[in-house]
Amino acid sequence: MRTVLSVSLPEKISDELDRVARSSGRNKSDIVKECLSMFLWEMKLKTVQKKLGPKAKRLGIVSEEDVFKAVS
């Protein structure tokens, strides 16, 4: 199922979106869907980081390298 969403954009953002769509050969809807998907993923990641950050710090996991070592 699909939902249609109407979004009002400031002119500057709308113009930039038009330029990117033309130069990339993609339609504006696909670009906006991709951006929204990335935003939602980042929000989920931040939520997980906020919940797990203190525990990781207590375990000495403070960098991406530490995470890599812990899961390898």
N, C-alpha and C. Protein backbone atom coordinates (compact mmCIF):
# COMPACT_ATOMS: atom_id res chain seq x y z
N MET A 1 0.83 -1.18 0.00
CA MET A 1 0.00 0.00 0.00
C MET A 1 0.88 1.25 0.00
N ARG A 2 0.45 2.25 -0.68
CA ARG A 2 1.19 3.51 -0.75
C ARG A 2 0.39 4.61 -0.10
N THR A 3 1.10 5.60 0.42
CA THR A 3 0.49 6.79 0.97
C THR A 3 1.04 7.99 0.22
N VAL A 4 0.17 8.88 -0.15
CA VAL A 4 0.59 10.11 -0.83
C VAL A 4 0.77 11.18 0.23
N LEU A 5 1.90 11.86 0.16
CA LEU A 5 2.22 12.90 1.13
C LEU A 5 2.53 14.18 0.37
N SER A 6 1.87 15.24 0.72
CA SER A 6 2.14 16.53 0.10
C SER A 6 3.07 17.31 1.01
N VAL A 7 4.15 17.82 0.45
CA VAL A 7 5.16 18.53 1.24
C VAL A 7 5.38 19.91 0.65
N SER A 8 5.39 20.90 1.50
CA SER A 8 5.68 22.26 1.07
C SER A 8 7.17 22.54 1.32
N LEU A 9 7.86 22.95 0.26
CA LEU A 9 9.30 23.21 0.37
C LEU A 9 9.59 24.68 0.15
N PRO A 10 10.58 25.20 0.85
CA PRO A 10 11.04 26.56 0.53
C PRO A 10 11.56 26.58 -0.90
N GLU A 11 11.44 27.69 -1.55
CA GLU A 11 11.81 27.81 -2.95
C GLU A 11 13.25 27.37 -3.21
N LYS A 12 14.16 27.74 -2.34
CA LYS A 12 15.57 27.39 -2.53
C LYS A 12 15.76 25.87 -2.56
N ILE A 13 15.12 25.17 -1.64
CA ILE A 13 15.23 23.71 -1.60
C ILE A 13 14.55 23.09 -2.81
N SER A 14 13.40 23.62 -3.18
CA SER A 14 12.68 23.12 -4.35
C SER A 14 13.52 23.28 -5.62
N ASP A 15 14.15 24.42 -5.77
CA ASP A 15 15.01 24.67 -6.94
C ASP A 15 16.19 23.69 -6.96
N GLU A 16 16.78 23.48 -5.80
CA GLU A 16 17.92 22.55 -5.71
C GLU A 16 17.48 21.13 -6.04
N LEU A 17 16.32 20.74 -5.53
CA LEU A 17 15.78 19.41 -5.83
C LEU A 17 15.54 19.26 -7.32
N ASP A 18 14.99 20.28 -7.96
CA ASP A 18 14.79 20.26 -9.42
C ASP A 18 16.11 20.05 -10.15
N ARG A 19 17.13 20.79 -9.74
CA ARG A 19 18.45 20.69 -10.40
C ARG A 19 19.04 19.29 -10.23
N VAL A 20 18.95 18.76 -9.02
CA VAL A 20 19.51 17.43 -8.76
C VAL A 20 18.75 16.37 -9.56
N ALA A 21 17.44 16.49 -9.60
CA ALA A 21 16.63 15.53 -10.36
C ALA A 21 17.01 15.56 -11.84
N ARG A 22 17.12 16.75 -12.40
CA ARG A 22 17.48 16.86 -13.82
C ARG A 22 18.87 16.31 -14.09
N SER A 23 19.83 16.69 -13.25
CA SER A 23 21.22 16.27 -13.50
C SER A 23 21.44 14.79 -13.26
N SER A 24 20.64 14.18 -12.39
CA SER A 24 20.83 12.76 -12.09
C SER A 24 19.91 11.86 -12.91
N GLY A 25 18.93 12.46 -13.60
CA GLY A 25 17.99 11.68 -14.38
C GLY A 25 16.98 10.93 -13.52
N ARG A 26 16.83 11.35 -12.29
CA ARG A 26 15.89 10.70 -11.37
C ARG A 26 14.71 11.63 -11.15
N ASN A 27 13.60 11.05 -10.68
CA ASN A 27 12.48 11.94 -10.39
C ASN A 27 12.55 12.42 -8.94
N LYS A 28 11.90 13.54 -8.69
CA LYS A 28 11.97 14.17 -7.37
C LYS A 28 11.41 13.27 -6.28
N SER A 29 10.36 12.54 -6.59
CA SER A 29 9.76 11.66 -5.60
C SER A 29 10.75 10.60 -5.12
N ASP A 30 11.50 10.00 -6.04
CA ASP A 30 12.48 8.98 -5.66
C ASP A 30 13.59 9.58 -4.80
N ILE A 31 14.02 10.77 -5.13
CA ILE A 31 15.06 11.43 -4.35
C ILE A 31 14.57 11.71 -2.93
N VAL A 32 13.36 12.22 -2.81
CA VAL A 32 12.80 12.52 -1.49
C VAL A 32 12.61 11.24 -0.70
N LYS A 33 12.13 10.16 -1.33
CA LYS A 33 11.96 8.88 -0.63
C LYS A 33 13.30 8.37 -0.11
N GLU A 34 14.33 8.46 -0.93
CA GLU A 34 15.66 8.01 -0.50
C GLU A 34 16.17 8.84 0.68
N CYS A 35 15.98 10.16 0.60
CA CYS A 35 16.43 11.03 1.68
C CYS A 35 15.67 10.75 2.97
N LEU A 36 14.38 10.55 2.88
CA LEU A 36 13.57 10.26 4.05
C LEU A 36 13.96 8.91 4.65
N SER A 37 14.21 7.94 3.81
CA SER A 37 14.64 6.63 4.29
C SER A 37 15.95 6.74 5.06
N MET A 38 16.90 7.50 4.51
CA MET A 38 18.19 7.70 5.18
C MET A 38 18.01 8.44 6.50
N PHE A 39 17.15 9.45 6.53
CA PHE A 39 16.89 10.20 7.76
C PHE A 39 16.31 9.28 8.83
N LEU A 40 15.32 8.46 8.46
CA LEU A 40 14.70 7.56 9.43
C LEU A 40 15.70 6.55 9.97
N TRP A 41 16.57 6.04 9.10
CA TRP A 41 17.60 5.10 9.53
C TRP A 41 18.55 5.77 10.53
N GLU A 42 18.95 7.00 10.22
CA GLU A 42 19.85 7.74 11.12
C GLU A 42 19.19 7.99 12.47
N MET A 43 17.89 8.29 12.48
CA MET A 43 17.18 8.51 13.74
C MET A 43 17.15 7.23 14.58
N LYS A 44 16.93 6.09 13.92
CA LYS A 44 16.96 4.80 14.64
C LYS A 44 18.35 4.54 15.19
N LEU A 45 19.37 4.81 14.40
CA LEU A 45 20.75 4.62 14.85
C LEU A 45 21.04 5.48 16.06
N LYS A 46 20.64 6.74 16.03
CA LYS A 46 20.88 7.63 17.17
C LYS A 46 20.17 7.14 18.42
N THR A 47 18.97 6.58 18.26
CA THR A 47 18.24 6.04 19.39
C THR A 47 18.99 4.87 20.01
N VAL A 48 19.49 3.98 19.17
CA VAL A 48 20.26 2.83 19.66
C VAL A 48 21.54 3.31 20.33
N GLN A 49 22.22 4.27 19.70
CA GLN A 49 23.47 4.78 20.28
C GLN A 49 23.22 5.41 21.64
N LYS A 50 22.11 6.13 21.76
CA LYS A 50 21.78 6.78 23.02
C LYS A 50 21.52 5.75 24.12
N LYS A 51 20.83 4.66 23.75
CA LYS A 51 20.53 3.61 24.72
C LYS A 51 21.76 2.79 25.09
N LEU A 52 22.58 2.47 24.10
CA LEU A 52 23.71 1.58 24.33
C LEU A 52 25.02 2.31 24.65
N GLY A 53 25.07 3.61 24.36
CA GLY A 53 26.30 4.37 24.56
C GLY A 53 26.88 4.27 25.95
N PRO A 54 26.09 4.51 26.99
CA PRO A 54 26.64 4.43 28.35
C PRO A 54 27.17 3.04 28.69
N LYS A 55 26.46 2.00 28.29
CA LYS A 55 26.92 0.63 28.56
C LYS A 55 28.22 0.35 27.82
N ALA A 56 28.29 0.76 26.55
CA ALA A 56 29.51 0.55 25.76
C ALA A 56 30.69 1.28 26.39
N LYS A 57 30.44 2.48 26.86
CA LYS A 57 31.52 3.26 27.48
C LYS A 57 32.04 2.56 28.72
N ARG A 58 31.12 2.00 29.52
CA ARG A 58 31.54 1.27 30.72
C ARG A 58 32.38 0.05 30.36
N LEU A 59 32.13 -0.53 29.18
CA LEU A 59 32.89 -1.69 28.72
C LEU A 59 34.17 -1.30 27.99
N GLY A 60 34.41 0.02 27.87
CA GLY A 60 35.62 0.49 27.20
C GLY A 60 35.49 0.58 25.69
N ILE A 61 34.27 0.52 25.20
CA ILE A 61 34.03 0.63 23.76
C ILE A 61 33.66 2.07 23.46
N VAL A 62 34.64 2.82 22.94
CA VAL A 62 34.41 4.25 22.74
C VAL A 62 34.65 4.71 21.30
N SER A 63 35.18 3.84 20.46
CA SER A 63 35.45 4.23 19.08
C SER A 63 34.90 3.17 18.13
N GLU A 64 34.84 3.50 16.85
CA GLU A 64 34.40 2.52 15.86
C GLU A 64 35.36 1.34 15.81
N GLU A 65 36.63 1.60 16.04
CA GLU A 65 37.62 0.53 16.06
C GLU A 65 37.33 -0.43 17.22
N ASP A 66 36.95 0.12 18.37
CA ASP A 66 36.59 -0.71 19.52
C ASP A 66 35.37 -1.58 19.20
N VAL A 67 34.39 -1.00 18.51
CA VAL A 67 33.21 -1.77 18.13
C VAL A 67 33.61 -2.89 17.20
N PHE A 68 34.43 -2.59 16.22
CA PHE A 68 34.88 -3.60 15.26
C PHE A 68 35.59 -4.75 15.99
N LYS A 69 36.47 -4.41 16.92
CA LYS A 69 37.18 -5.44 17.67
C LYS A 69 36.21 -6.29 18.50
N ALA A 70 35.20 -5.64 19.07
CA ALA A 70 34.25 -6.35 19.93
C ALA A 70 33.38 -7.33 19.15
N VAL A 71 33.09 -7.02 17.91
CA VAL A 71 32.20 -7.89 17.13
C VAL A 71 32.96 -8.83 16.20
N SER A 72 34.26 -8.67 16.10
CA SER A 72 35.06 -9.54 15.21
C SER A 72 35.42 -10.83 15.89
